[in-house]
């Protein structure tokens, strides 16, 4: 087994199952269509092996969790580095099973891969505090990246560290508040009002 395969297996078979429990039997992979919607004229075939796992509630968690897999693959090296691959995976949490959560994470992951490859202008990959326009409903218009609340902020693979960036949907008023203060401050307000970092199409604004 190659260094890449060992790291890949470690993430999905050991780390993810320790953190999320049941990760389901299938991964929901990226497709050419997702990249086409972003007007990308060049798709690395390796990106199509990336996807999202849907993790049902368990004895430790009442929520559904969705976690990306692939951005932390060490494609370009055979030795450990500080960060594995892009050094990130994205997480979303919902109160019930929601297929749109998979689509949101697929879109954000594809966007991040294009950013990292320099195909979306001179912008860095997504990180904590970033806010990306992506409408779920009339009230939830933006996805905000924050440190997780009920999950580890990072995990270690033999190939390097990986940060978990939790994605939470926010309202236009919350977006304006984040611009005036910070994403972290809005995150804390959401937690104080709702008790967590669930993404919901119906959530009312807390500012």
N, C-alpha and C. Protein backbone atom coordinates (compact mmCIF):
# COMPACT_ATOMS: atom_id res chain seq x y z
N UNK A 1 0.84 -1.19 0.00
CA UNK A 1 0.00 0.00 0.00
C UNK A 1 0.88 1.25 0.00
N UNK A 2 0.55 2.22 -0.83
CA UNK A 2 1.35 3.43 -0.95
C UNK A 2 1.12 4.36 0.23
N UNK A 3 1.97 5.36 0.35
CA UNK A 3 1.84 6.38 1.40
C UNK A 3 0.48 7.06 1.30
N UNK A 4 0.06 7.40 0.07
CA UNK A 4 -1.24 8.02 -0.15
C UNK A 4 -2.36 7.10 0.30
N UNK A 5 -2.31 5.85 -0.09
CA UNK A 5 -3.37 4.90 0.27
C UNK A 5 -3.44 4.67 1.77
N UNK A 6 -2.28 4.61 2.42
CA UNK A 6 -2.27 4.42 3.87
C UNK A 6 -2.90 5.60 4.60
N UNK A 7 -2.58 6.82 4.15
CA UNK A 7 -3.14 8.01 4.77
C UNK A 7 -4.64 8.10 4.52
N UNK A 8 -5.05 7.78 3.31
CA UNK A 8 -6.46 7.79 2.92
C UNK A 8 -7.25 6.81 3.79
N UNK A 9 -6.73 5.59 3.92
CA UNK A 9 -7.39 4.57 4.72
C UNK A 9 -7.42 4.95 6.19
N UNK A 10 -6.33 5.54 6.67
CA UNK A 10 -6.27 5.96 8.07
C UNK A 10 -7.37 6.98 8.37
N UNK A 11 -7.56 7.92 7.46
CA UNK A 11 -8.59 8.95 7.67
C UNK A 11 -9.98 8.35 7.70
N UNK A 12 -10.31 7.55 6.70
CA UNK A 12 -11.69 7.08 6.56
C UNK A 12 -12.03 5.89 7.45
N UNK A 13 -11.09 5.00 7.64
CA UNK A 13 -11.39 3.78 8.40
C UNK A 13 -11.11 3.90 9.90
N UNK A 14 -10.25 4.82 10.27
CA UNK A 14 -9.88 4.94 11.68
C UNK A 14 -10.35 6.29 12.25
N UNK A 15 -9.81 7.38 11.74
CA UNK A 15 -10.07 8.70 12.32
C UNK A 15 -11.55 9.06 12.24
N UNK A 16 -12.13 8.95 11.04
CA UNK A 16 -13.53 9.36 10.87
C UNK A 16 -14.47 8.48 11.69
N UNK A 17 -14.20 7.21 11.75
CA UNK A 17 -15.08 6.33 12.52
C UNK A 17 -14.95 6.60 14.01
N UNK A 18 -13.77 7.01 14.46
CA UNK A 18 -13.59 7.38 15.87
C UNK A 18 -14.34 8.67 16.20
N UNK A 19 -14.33 9.62 15.26
CA UNK A 19 -14.95 10.92 15.51
C UNK A 19 -16.46 10.88 15.27
N UNK A 20 -16.88 10.26 14.17
CA UNK A 20 -18.28 10.35 13.74
C UNK A 20 -19.08 9.08 13.92
N UNK A 21 -18.43 7.98 14.25
CA UNK A 21 -19.15 6.72 14.35
C UNK A 21 -19.42 6.15 12.98
N UNK A 22 -20.67 5.85 12.70
CA UNK A 22 -21.08 5.31 11.41
C UNK A 22 -20.95 6.39 10.34
N UNK A 23 -20.12 6.15 9.33
CA UNK A 23 -19.98 7.13 8.24
C UNK A 23 -20.74 6.69 6.99
N UNK A 24 -21.58 5.67 7.15
CA UNK A 24 -22.37 5.19 6.02
C UNK A 24 -21.59 4.24 5.14
N UNK A 25 -22.27 3.70 4.17
CA UNK A 25 -21.64 2.72 3.28
C UNK A 25 -21.16 3.36 1.97
N UNK A 26 -21.60 4.59 1.71
CA UNK A 26 -21.25 5.24 0.45
C UNK A 26 -20.68 6.63 0.69
N UNK A 27 -19.80 7.03 -0.22
CA UNK A 27 -19.34 8.41 -0.26
C UNK A 27 -20.04 9.09 -1.44
N UNK A 28 -20.36 10.35 -1.27
CA UNK A 28 -21.01 11.12 -2.33
C UNK A 28 -19.94 11.94 -3.04
N UNK A 29 -19.46 11.45 -4.20
CA UNK A 29 -18.28 12.05 -4.83
C UNK A 29 -18.60 13.32 -5.61
N UNK A 30 -17.55 14.10 -5.84
CA UNK A 30 -17.66 15.26 -6.71
C UNK A 30 -17.90 14.79 -8.14
N UNK A 31 -18.52 15.67 -8.93
CA UNK A 31 -18.80 15.34 -10.32
C UNK A 31 -18.30 16.46 -11.23
N UNK A 32 -18.15 16.14 -12.48
CA UNK A 32 -17.76 17.14 -13.48
C UNK A 32 -18.77 18.28 -13.50
N UNK A 33 -20.06 17.95 -13.31
CA UNK A 33 -21.12 18.96 -13.37
C UNK A 33 -20.91 20.05 -12.32
N UNK A 34 -20.45 19.67 -11.13
CA UNK A 34 -20.22 20.66 -10.08
C UNK A 34 -19.17 21.68 -10.52
N UNK A 35 -18.10 21.19 -11.13
CA UNK A 35 -17.05 22.10 -11.62
C UNK A 35 -17.53 22.91 -12.81
N UNK A 36 -18.37 22.30 -13.65
CA UNK A 36 -18.89 23.03 -14.80
C UNK A 36 -19.72 24.24 -14.37
N UNK A 37 -20.43 24.10 -13.26
CA UNK A 37 -21.23 25.21 -12.75
C UNK A 37 -20.37 26.38 -12.32
N UNK A 38 -19.10 26.10 -12.07
CA UNK A 38 -18.17 27.15 -11.69
C UNK A 38 -17.33 27.62 -12.88
N UNK A 39 -17.75 27.19 -14.06
CA UNK A 39 -17.08 27.58 -15.31
C UNK A 39 -15.61 27.17 -15.33
N UNK A 40 -15.33 26.03 -14.72
CA UNK A 40 -13.95 25.53 -14.74
C UNK A 40 -13.70 24.76 -16.02
N UNK A 41 -12.62 25.11 -16.70
CA UNK A 41 -12.30 24.45 -17.96
C UNK A 41 -11.27 23.34 -17.82
N UNK A 42 -10.83 23.11 -16.58
CA UNK A 42 -9.83 22.05 -16.36
C UNK A 42 -10.07 21.41 -15.00
N UNK A 43 -10.39 20.14 -15.01
CA UNK A 43 -10.67 19.41 -13.78
C UNK A 43 -9.63 18.31 -13.61
N UNK A 44 -8.91 18.36 -12.51
CA UNK A 44 -7.95 17.31 -12.19
C UNK A 44 -8.73 16.03 -11.89
N UNK A 45 -8.46 14.94 -12.60
CA UNK A 45 -9.20 13.69 -12.37
C UNK A 45 -9.16 13.23 -10.92
N UNK A 46 -8.11 13.58 -10.19
CA UNK A 46 -8.01 13.18 -8.79
C UNK A 46 -9.11 13.80 -7.95
N UNK A 47 -9.58 14.99 -8.36
CA UNK A 47 -10.62 15.67 -7.59
C UNK A 47 -11.91 14.86 -7.56
N UNK A 48 -12.14 14.06 -8.56
CA UNK A 48 -13.39 13.30 -8.65
C UNK A 48 -13.40 12.12 -7.69
N UNK A 49 -12.30 11.88 -6.99
CA UNK A 49 -12.27 10.86 -5.92
C UNK A 49 -12.65 11.47 -4.58
N UNK A 50 -12.75 12.80 -4.51
CA UNK A 50 -13.16 13.47 -3.28
C UNK A 50 -14.67 13.38 -3.12
N UNK A 51 -15.13 13.41 -1.88
CA UNK A 51 -16.57 13.32 -1.67
C UNK A 51 -16.98 13.67 -0.26
N UNK A 52 -18.21 13.33 0.08
CA UNK A 52 -18.80 13.66 1.37
C UNK A 52 -19.40 12.40 1.98
N UNK A 53 -19.15 12.21 3.27
CA UNK A 53 -19.77 11.13 4.03
C UNK A 53 -20.95 11.70 4.83
N UNK A 54 -22.02 10.92 4.92
CA UNK A 54 -23.21 11.28 5.68
C UNK A 54 -23.25 10.41 6.92
N UNK A 55 -23.16 11.03 8.09
CA UNK A 55 -23.02 10.28 9.34
C UNK A 55 -24.27 10.45 10.21
N UNK A 56 -25.01 9.38 10.44
CA UNK A 56 -26.25 9.49 11.21
C UNK A 56 -26.00 9.70 12.71
N UNK A 57 -27.04 10.09 13.45
CA UNK A 57 -26.91 10.25 14.90
C UNK A 57 -26.49 8.94 15.56
N UNK A 58 -25.93 9.07 16.75
CA UNK A 58 -25.54 7.89 17.52
C UNK A 58 -25.73 8.17 19.00
N UNK A 59 -25.20 7.30 19.84
CA UNK A 59 -25.40 7.46 21.29
C UNK A 59 -24.72 8.70 21.84
N UNK A 60 -23.78 9.24 21.10
CA UNK A 60 -23.06 10.43 21.57
C UNK A 60 -23.52 11.73 20.91
N UNK A 61 -24.38 11.61 19.89
CA UNK A 61 -24.75 12.79 19.12
C UNK A 61 -26.14 12.62 18.52
N UNK A 62 -26.99 13.63 18.69
CA UNK A 62 -28.35 13.57 18.18
C UNK A 62 -28.47 14.14 16.76
N UNK A 63 -27.41 14.74 16.29
CA UNK A 63 -27.45 15.42 15.00
C UNK A 63 -26.89 14.55 13.88
N UNK A 64 -27.19 14.97 12.63
CA UNK A 64 -26.55 14.38 11.45
C UNK A 64 -25.30 15.19 11.15
N UNK A 65 -24.22 14.50 10.83
CA UNK A 65 -22.96 15.17 10.50
C UNK A 65 -22.55 14.77 9.09
N UNK A 66 -22.00 15.74 8.37
CA UNK A 66 -21.54 15.53 7.00
C UNK A 66 -20.09 16.00 6.93
N UNK A 67 -19.20 15.13 6.47
CA UNK A 67 -17.77 15.45 6.49
C UNK A 67 -17.17 15.15 5.11
N UNK A 68 -16.39 16.08 4.61
CA UNK A 68 -15.72 15.86 3.33
C UNK A 68 -14.54 14.91 3.51
N UNK A 69 -14.12 14.33 2.42
CA UNK A 69 -12.96 13.44 2.45
C UNK A 69 -12.21 13.56 1.13
N UNK A 70 -10.94 13.91 1.22
CA UNK A 70 -10.11 13.98 0.02
C UNK A 70 -9.16 15.16 -0.02
N UNK A 71 -9.60 16.30 0.52
CA UNK A 71 -8.72 17.48 0.46
C UNK A 71 -7.44 17.27 1.25
N UNK A 72 -7.46 16.36 2.22
CA UNK A 72 -6.25 16.10 3.01
C UNK A 72 -5.42 14.95 2.44
N UNK A 73 -5.74 14.49 1.24
CA UNK A 73 -4.90 13.46 0.61
C UNK A 73 -3.51 14.01 0.28
N UNK A 74 -2.47 13.28 0.63
CA UNK A 74 -1.10 13.74 0.31
C UNK A 74 -0.71 13.33 -1.11
N UNK A 75 -1.30 13.98 -2.09
CA UNK A 75 -1.08 13.60 -3.47
C UNK A 75 0.37 13.82 -3.93
N UNK A 76 1.01 14.86 -3.41
CA UNK A 76 2.27 15.32 -4.00
C UNK A 76 3.52 14.90 -3.23
N UNK A 77 3.38 14.06 -2.22
CA UNK A 77 4.55 13.72 -1.41
C UNK A 77 4.48 12.27 -0.95
N UNK A 78 5.63 11.75 -0.61
CA UNK A 78 5.72 10.40 -0.06
C UNK A 78 6.24 10.42 1.37
N UNK A 79 6.32 11.60 1.95
CA UNK A 79 6.83 11.73 3.32
C UNK A 79 5.89 12.64 4.11
N UNK A 80 5.87 12.53 5.44
CA UNK A 80 5.01 13.38 6.26
C UNK A 80 5.40 14.85 6.12
N UNK A 81 4.40 15.73 6.15
CA UNK A 81 4.62 17.16 6.15
C UNK A 81 3.81 17.78 7.28
N UNK A 82 3.94 19.09 7.47
CA UNK A 82 3.20 19.74 8.57
C UNK A 82 1.70 19.53 8.39
N UNK A 83 1.21 19.76 7.18
CA UNK A 83 -0.20 19.54 6.87
C UNK A 83 -0.32 18.51 5.76
N UNK A 84 -1.33 17.67 5.87
CA UNK A 84 -1.56 16.63 4.87
C UNK A 84 -2.40 17.19 3.73
N UNK A 85 -1.87 17.17 2.52
CA UNK A 85 -2.60 17.73 1.38
C UNK A 85 -2.89 19.19 1.58
N UNK A 86 -4.15 19.59 1.39
CA UNK A 86 -4.54 20.97 1.65
C UNK A 86 -4.70 21.26 3.14
N UNK A 87 -4.65 20.22 3.94
CA UNK A 87 -4.67 20.39 5.39
C UNK A 87 -6.03 20.71 5.98
N UNK A 88 -7.11 20.49 5.20
CA UNK A 88 -8.45 20.79 5.71
C UNK A 88 -9.45 19.73 5.24
N UNK A 89 -10.53 19.60 6.01
CA UNK A 89 -11.76 18.94 5.58
C UNK A 89 -12.91 19.77 6.14
N UNK A 90 -14.06 19.75 5.45
CA UNK A 90 -15.20 20.57 5.83
C UNK A 90 -16.28 19.72 6.49
N UNK A 91 -16.96 20.32 7.46
CA UNK A 91 -17.98 19.64 8.26
C UNK A 91 -19.26 20.47 8.27
N UNK A 92 -20.41 19.82 8.22
CA UNK A 92 -21.69 20.48 8.43
C UNK A 92 -22.55 19.60 9.33
N UNK A 93 -23.43 20.25 10.12
CA UNK A 93 -24.27 19.55 11.07
C UNK A 93 -25.73 20.00 10.87
N UNK A 94 -26.65 19.03 10.85
CA UNK A 94 -28.07 19.34 10.72
C UNK A 94 -28.87 18.54 11.75
N UNK A 95 -30.10 19.00 12.02
CA UNK A 95 -30.93 18.32 13.02
C UNK A 95 -31.56 17.06 12.47
N UNK A 96 -31.74 17.00 11.14
CA UNK A 96 -32.29 15.80 10.51
C UNK A 96 -31.55 15.55 9.20
N UNK A 97 -31.80 14.40 8.62
CA UNK A 97 -31.10 14.04 7.38
C UNK A 97 -31.46 15.01 6.27
N UNK A 98 -30.45 15.61 5.64
CA UNK A 98 -30.66 16.62 4.60
C UNK A 98 -29.70 16.39 3.44
N UNK A 99 -30.22 16.04 2.29
CA UNK A 99 -29.35 15.81 1.14
C UNK A 99 -28.71 17.12 0.65
N UNK A 100 -29.37 18.25 0.91
CA UNK A 100 -28.76 19.51 0.47
C UNK A 100 -27.46 19.80 1.20
N UNK A 101 -27.29 19.25 2.39
CA UNK A 101 -26.03 19.46 3.12
C UNK A 101 -24.87 18.85 2.35
N UNK A 102 -25.11 17.70 1.73
CA UNK A 102 -24.08 17.07 0.90
C UNK A 102 -23.74 17.96 -0.28
N UNK A 103 -24.77 18.51 -0.93
CA UNK A 103 -24.56 19.36 -2.10
C UNK A 103 -23.80 20.63 -1.72
N UNK A 104 -24.10 21.19 -0.57
CA UNK A 104 -23.38 22.39 -0.12
C UNK A 104 -21.91 22.09 0.07
N UNK A 105 -21.61 20.98 0.76
CA UNK A 105 -20.21 20.65 1.01
C UNK A 105 -19.49 20.27 -0.29
N UNK A 106 -20.16 19.60 -1.19
CA UNK A 106 -19.54 19.29 -2.49
C UNK A 106 -19.17 20.57 -3.22
N UNK A 107 -20.08 21.53 -3.21
CA UNK A 107 -19.83 22.81 -3.89
C UNK A 107 -18.66 23.54 -3.26
N UNK A 108 -18.63 23.61 -1.94
CA UNK A 108 -17.56 24.31 -1.24
C UNK A 108 -16.22 23.61 -1.42
N UNK A 109 -16.24 22.28 -1.44
CA UNK A 109 -15.00 21.53 -1.64
C UNK A 109 -14.47 21.75 -3.05
N UNK A 110 -15.35 21.71 -4.05
CA UNK A 110 -14.91 21.95 -5.42
C UNK A 110 -14.34 23.36 -5.56
N UNK A 111 -15.00 24.33 -4.96
CA UNK A 111 -14.53 25.71 -4.99
C UNK A 111 -13.15 25.82 -4.34
N UNK A 112 -12.97 25.12 -3.21
CA UNK A 112 -11.68 25.18 -2.52
C UNK A 112 -10.57 24.53 -3.34
N UNK A 113 -10.87 23.44 -4.01
CA UNK A 113 -9.87 22.79 -4.86
C UNK A 113 -9.44 23.70 -6.00
N UNK A 114 -10.40 24.41 -6.58
CA UNK A 114 -10.09 25.36 -7.65
C UNK A 114 -9.27 26.53 -7.12
N UNK A 115 -9.61 27.00 -5.94
CA UNK A 115 -8.82 28.08 -5.32
C UNK A 115 -7.38 27.64 -5.11
N UNK A 116 -7.23 26.44 -4.54
CA UNK A 116 -5.88 25.94 -4.24
C UNK A 116 -5.06 25.72 -5.49
N UNK A 117 -5.74 25.43 -6.60
CA UNK A 117 -5.05 25.20 -7.87
C UNK A 117 -4.81 26.50 -8.64
N UNK A 118 -5.24 27.62 -8.06
CA UNK A 118 -5.04 28.91 -8.71
C UNK A 118 -5.95 29.16 -9.89
N UNK A 119 -7.09 28.47 -9.93
CA UNK A 119 -8.00 28.58 -11.07
C UNK A 119 -9.18 29.51 -10.80
N UNK A 120 -9.16 30.20 -9.66
CA UNK A 120 -10.24 31.13 -9.33
C UNK A 120 -9.68 32.51 -9.00
N UNK A 121 -8.61 32.87 -9.68
CA UNK A 121 -7.99 34.16 -9.40
C UNK A 121 -6.96 34.04 -8.29
N UNK A 122 -6.44 35.16 -7.88
CA UNK A 122 -5.36 35.17 -6.88
C UNK A 122 -5.94 35.24 -5.48
N UNK A 123 -6.61 34.16 -5.09
CA UNK A 123 -7.22 34.08 -3.76
C UNK A 123 -6.74 32.83 -3.05
N UNK A 124 -6.54 32.89 -1.75
CA UNK A 124 -6.08 31.71 -1.01
C UNK A 124 -7.21 30.71 -0.80
N UNK A 125 -6.89 29.48 -0.45
CA UNK A 125 -7.93 28.50 -0.12
C UNK A 125 -8.77 28.96 1.08
N UNK A 126 -9.91 28.34 1.25
CA UNK A 126 -10.83 28.71 2.32
C UNK A 126 -10.24 28.38 3.68
N UNK A 127 -10.60 29.21 4.67
CA UNK A 127 -10.03 29.05 6.00
C UNK A 127 -11.06 29.53 7.02
N UNK A 128 -10.73 29.35 8.30
CA UNK A 128 -11.61 29.81 9.37
C UNK A 128 -11.93 31.29 9.18
N UNK A 129 -13.19 31.64 9.41
CA UNK A 129 -13.61 33.03 9.32
C UNK A 129 -14.11 33.44 7.96
N UNK A 130 -13.78 32.65 6.93
CA UNK A 130 -14.24 33.00 5.57
C UNK A 130 -15.76 32.86 5.46
N UNK A 131 -16.33 33.64 4.55
CA UNK A 131 -17.77 33.60 4.29
C UNK A 131 -18.00 33.53 2.79
N UNK A 132 -18.77 32.55 2.35
CA UNK A 132 -18.97 32.29 0.92
C UNK A 132 -20.45 32.42 0.58
N UNK A 133 -20.81 33.26 -0.40
CA UNK A 133 -22.22 33.35 -0.82
C UNK A 133 -22.69 32.02 -1.39
N UNK A 134 -23.74 31.47 -0.77
CA UNK A 134 -24.33 30.22 -1.24
C UNK A 134 -25.70 30.11 -0.56
N UNK A 135 -26.73 30.42 -1.31
CA UNK A 135 -28.07 30.53 -0.71
C UNK A 135 -28.74 29.17 -0.55
N UNK A 136 -29.25 28.93 0.66
CA UNK A 136 -30.05 27.75 0.94
C UNK A 136 -31.54 28.05 0.87
N UNK A 137 -31.90 29.30 1.21
CA UNK A 137 -33.29 29.69 1.30
C UNK A 137 -33.39 31.20 1.23
N UNK A 138 -34.57 31.72 1.46
CA UNK A 138 -34.77 33.17 1.47
C UNK A 138 -34.08 33.83 2.65
N UNK A 139 -33.80 33.05 3.70
CA UNK A 139 -33.19 33.62 4.90
C UNK A 139 -31.72 33.25 5.08
N UNK A 140 -31.33 32.07 4.62
CA UNK A 140 -29.94 31.62 4.77
C UNK A 140 -29.24 31.79 3.44
N UNK A 141 -28.34 32.78 3.36
CA UNK A 141 -27.76 33.18 2.08
C UNK A 141 -26.25 32.95 1.97
N UNK A 142 -25.60 32.67 3.10
CA UNK A 142 -24.14 32.62 3.11
C UNK A 142 -23.66 31.45 3.97
N UNK A 143 -22.54 30.86 3.58
CA UNK A 143 -21.90 29.82 4.39
C UNK A 143 -20.66 30.41 5.08
N UNK A 144 -20.59 30.22 6.38
CA UNK A 144 -19.49 30.77 7.17
C UNK A 144 -18.66 29.62 7.74
N UNK A 145 -17.34 29.77 7.72
CA UNK A 145 -16.42 28.73 8.19
C UNK A 145 -15.91 29.09 9.59
N UNK A 146 -16.10 28.16 10.53
CA UNK A 146 -15.73 28.42 11.93
C UNK A 146 -15.08 27.18 12.54
N UNK A 147 -14.51 27.38 13.71
CA UNK A 147 -13.99 26.25 14.48
C UNK A 147 -15.17 25.41 14.98
N UNK A 148 -15.07 24.08 14.91
CA UNK A 148 -16.18 23.23 15.36
C UNK A 148 -16.47 23.41 16.85
N UNK A 149 -17.72 23.11 17.20
CA UNK A 149 -18.13 23.19 18.60
C UNK A 149 -18.09 21.83 19.28
N UNK A 150 -18.71 20.83 18.66
CA UNK A 150 -18.84 19.51 19.29
C UNK A 150 -17.98 18.44 18.63
N UNK A 151 -17.02 18.88 17.85
CA UNK A 151 -16.11 17.96 17.17
C UNK A 151 -14.69 18.46 17.33
N UNK A 152 -13.69 17.59 17.16
CA UNK A 152 -12.30 18.06 17.24
C UNK A 152 -12.01 19.13 16.20
N UNK A 153 -11.13 20.06 16.54
CA UNK A 153 -10.75 21.10 15.58
C UNK A 153 -9.74 20.60 14.56
N UNK A 154 -9.11 19.48 14.86
CA UNK A 154 -8.12 18.92 13.93
C UNK A 154 -7.90 17.45 14.25
N UNK A 155 -7.22 16.77 13.34
CA UNK A 155 -6.79 15.41 13.60
C UNK A 155 -5.46 15.18 12.90
N UNK A 156 -4.77 14.14 13.31
CA UNK A 156 -3.44 13.85 12.78
C UNK A 156 -3.45 12.58 11.96
N UNK A 157 -2.89 12.68 10.76
CA UNK A 157 -2.63 11.52 9.93
C UNK A 157 -1.14 11.29 9.88
N UNK A 158 -0.73 10.12 9.42
CA UNK A 158 0.70 9.87 9.28
C UNK A 158 1.33 10.86 8.29
N UNK A 159 0.50 11.42 7.42
CA UNK A 159 0.97 12.35 6.39
C UNK A 159 0.97 13.80 6.85
N UNK A 160 0.36 14.11 8.02
CA UNK A 160 0.36 15.47 8.53
C UNK A 160 -0.94 15.84 9.22
N UNK A 161 -1.01 17.08 9.69
CA UNK A 161 -2.19 17.57 10.40
C UNK A 161 -3.31 17.94 9.43
N UNK A 162 -4.54 17.88 9.94
CA UNK A 162 -5.71 18.27 9.15
C UNK A 162 -6.65 19.06 10.05
N UNK A 163 -7.01 20.27 9.64
CA UNK A 163 -7.98 21.08 10.37
C UNK A 163 -9.38 20.77 9.89
N UNK A 164 -10.34 20.73 10.83
CA UNK A 164 -11.74 20.57 10.49
C UNK A 164 -12.39 21.95 10.53
N UNK A 165 -12.92 22.37 9.40
CA UNK A 165 -13.62 23.66 9.31
C UNK A 165 -15.11 23.38 9.27
N UNK A 166 -15.83 23.85 10.30
CA UNK A 166 -17.28 23.64 10.30
C UNK A 166 -17.95 24.75 9.49
N UNK A 167 -18.91 24.35 8.68
CA UNK A 167 -19.68 25.27 7.84
C UNK A 167 -21.04 25.48 8.48
N UNK A 168 -21.43 26.73 8.67
CA UNK A 168 -22.75 27.05 9.22
C UNK A 168 -23.40 28.11 8.34
N UNK A 169 -24.66 27.90 8.01
CA UNK A 169 -25.39 28.86 7.19
C UNK A 169 -25.81 30.07 8.01
N UNK A 170 -25.67 31.27 7.44
CA UNK A 170 -26.01 32.49 8.16
C UNK A 170 -26.92 33.38 7.31
N UNK A 171 -27.60 34.29 7.99
CA UNK A 171 -28.53 35.21 7.35
C UNK A 171 -27.80 36.46 6.87
N UNK A 172 -28.43 37.28 6.00
CA UNK A 172 -27.80 38.53 5.58
C UNK A 172 -27.45 39.45 6.75
N UNK A 173 -28.32 39.52 7.76
CA UNK A 173 -28.03 40.37 8.92
C UNK A 173 -26.82 39.84 9.69
N UNK A 174 -26.70 38.52 9.79
CA UNK A 174 -25.55 37.94 10.47
C UNK A 174 -24.27 38.16 9.68
N UNK A 175 -24.38 38.13 8.37
CA UNK A 175 -23.23 38.41 7.52
C UNK A 175 -22.74 39.83 7.76
N UNK A 176 -23.64 40.79 7.82
CA UNK A 176 -23.25 42.17 8.06
C UNK A 176 -22.62 42.31 9.44
N UNK A 177 -23.16 41.62 10.43
CA UNK A 177 -22.59 41.65 11.77
C UNK A 177 -21.18 41.07 11.78
N UNK A 178 -20.98 39.99 11.01
CA UNK A 178 -19.65 39.37 10.93
C UNK A 178 -18.64 40.31 10.28
N UNK A 179 -19.10 41.08 9.29
CA UNK A 179 -18.21 42.04 8.63
C UNK A 179 -17.80 43.15 9.59
N UNK A 180 -18.71 43.53 10.47
CA UNK A 180 -18.43 44.61 11.43
C UNK A 180 -17.60 44.13 12.61
N UNK A 181 -17.76 42.88 12.98
CA UNK A 181 -17.02 42.34 14.12
C UNK A 181 -16.10 41.21 13.65
N UNK A 182 -16.62 39.99 13.65
CA UNK A 182 -15.86 38.84 13.16
C UNK A 182 -16.78 37.65 13.04
N UNK A 183 -16.36 36.67 12.25
CA UNK A 183 -17.12 35.43 12.12
C UNK A 183 -17.20 34.72 13.46
N UNK A 184 -16.12 34.79 14.23
CA UNK A 184 -16.09 34.11 15.53
C UNK A 184 -17.11 34.70 16.48
N UNK A 185 -17.28 36.01 16.43
CA UNK A 185 -18.26 36.66 17.32
C UNK A 185 -19.68 36.26 16.95
N UNK A 186 -19.96 36.21 15.66
CA UNK A 186 -21.29 35.78 15.21
C UNK A 186 -21.50 34.31 15.55
N UNK A 187 -20.47 33.51 15.41
CA UNK A 187 -20.56 32.10 15.79
C UNK A 187 -20.99 31.98 17.24
N UNK A 188 -20.37 32.73 18.14
CA UNK A 188 -20.70 32.64 19.56
C UNK A 188 -22.14 33.08 19.81
N UNK A 189 -22.62 34.07 19.07
CA UNK A 189 -24.01 34.50 19.22
C UNK A 189 -24.98 33.41 18.78
N UNK A 190 -24.63 32.74 17.68
CA UNK A 190 -25.47 31.64 17.20
C UNK A 190 -25.53 30.53 18.25
N UNK A 191 -24.39 30.20 18.82
CA UNK A 191 -24.35 29.15 19.85
C UNK A 191 -25.18 29.56 21.06
N UNK A 192 -25.05 30.81 21.48
CA UNK A 192 -25.77 31.29 22.67
C UNK A 192 -27.28 31.25 22.46
N UNK A 193 -27.72 31.55 21.23
CA UNK A 193 -29.16 31.61 20.94
C UNK A 193 -29.74 30.25 20.61
N UNK A 194 -28.96 29.40 19.93
CA UNK A 194 -29.52 28.14 19.43
C UNK A 194 -28.97 26.91 20.15
N UNK A 195 -27.85 27.06 20.84
CA UNK A 195 -27.25 25.93 21.55
C UNK A 195 -26.28 25.12 20.74
N UNK A 196 -26.06 25.50 19.49
CA UNK A 196 -25.12 24.73 18.67
C UNK A 196 -24.79 25.43 17.37
N UNK A 197 -24.28 24.66 16.41
CA UNK A 197 -23.90 25.20 15.10
C UNK A 197 -24.60 24.43 13.98
N UNK A 198 -25.88 24.14 14.21
CA UNK A 198 -26.65 23.45 13.18
C UNK A 198 -26.95 24.39 12.03
N UNK A 199 -26.93 23.85 10.82
CA UNK A 199 -27.38 24.61 9.67
C UNK A 199 -28.80 24.20 9.33
N UNK A 200 -29.67 25.19 9.18
CA UNK A 200 -31.07 24.96 8.87
C UNK A 200 -31.55 26.01 7.89
N UNK A 201 -32.37 25.60 6.94
CA UNK A 201 -32.93 26.56 5.98
C UNK A 201 -33.89 27.53 6.66
N UNK A 202 -34.48 27.10 7.78
CA UNK A 202 -35.55 27.86 8.40
C UNK A 202 -35.10 28.72 9.58
N UNK A 203 -33.84 28.65 9.97
CA UNK A 203 -33.43 29.36 11.19
C UNK A 203 -33.62 30.87 11.03
N UNK A 204 -34.15 31.48 12.08
CA UNK A 204 -34.33 32.93 12.06
C UNK A 204 -33.03 33.61 12.47
N UNK A 205 -32.85 34.85 12.07
CA UNK A 205 -31.63 35.59 12.35
C UNK A 205 -31.52 35.88 13.83
N UNK A 206 -30.31 35.83 14.34
CA UNK A 206 -30.09 36.11 15.77
C UNK A 206 -29.58 37.54 15.99
N UNK A 207 -29.46 38.30 14.91
CA UNK A 207 -29.07 39.73 15.03
C UNK A 207 -30.04 40.57 14.21
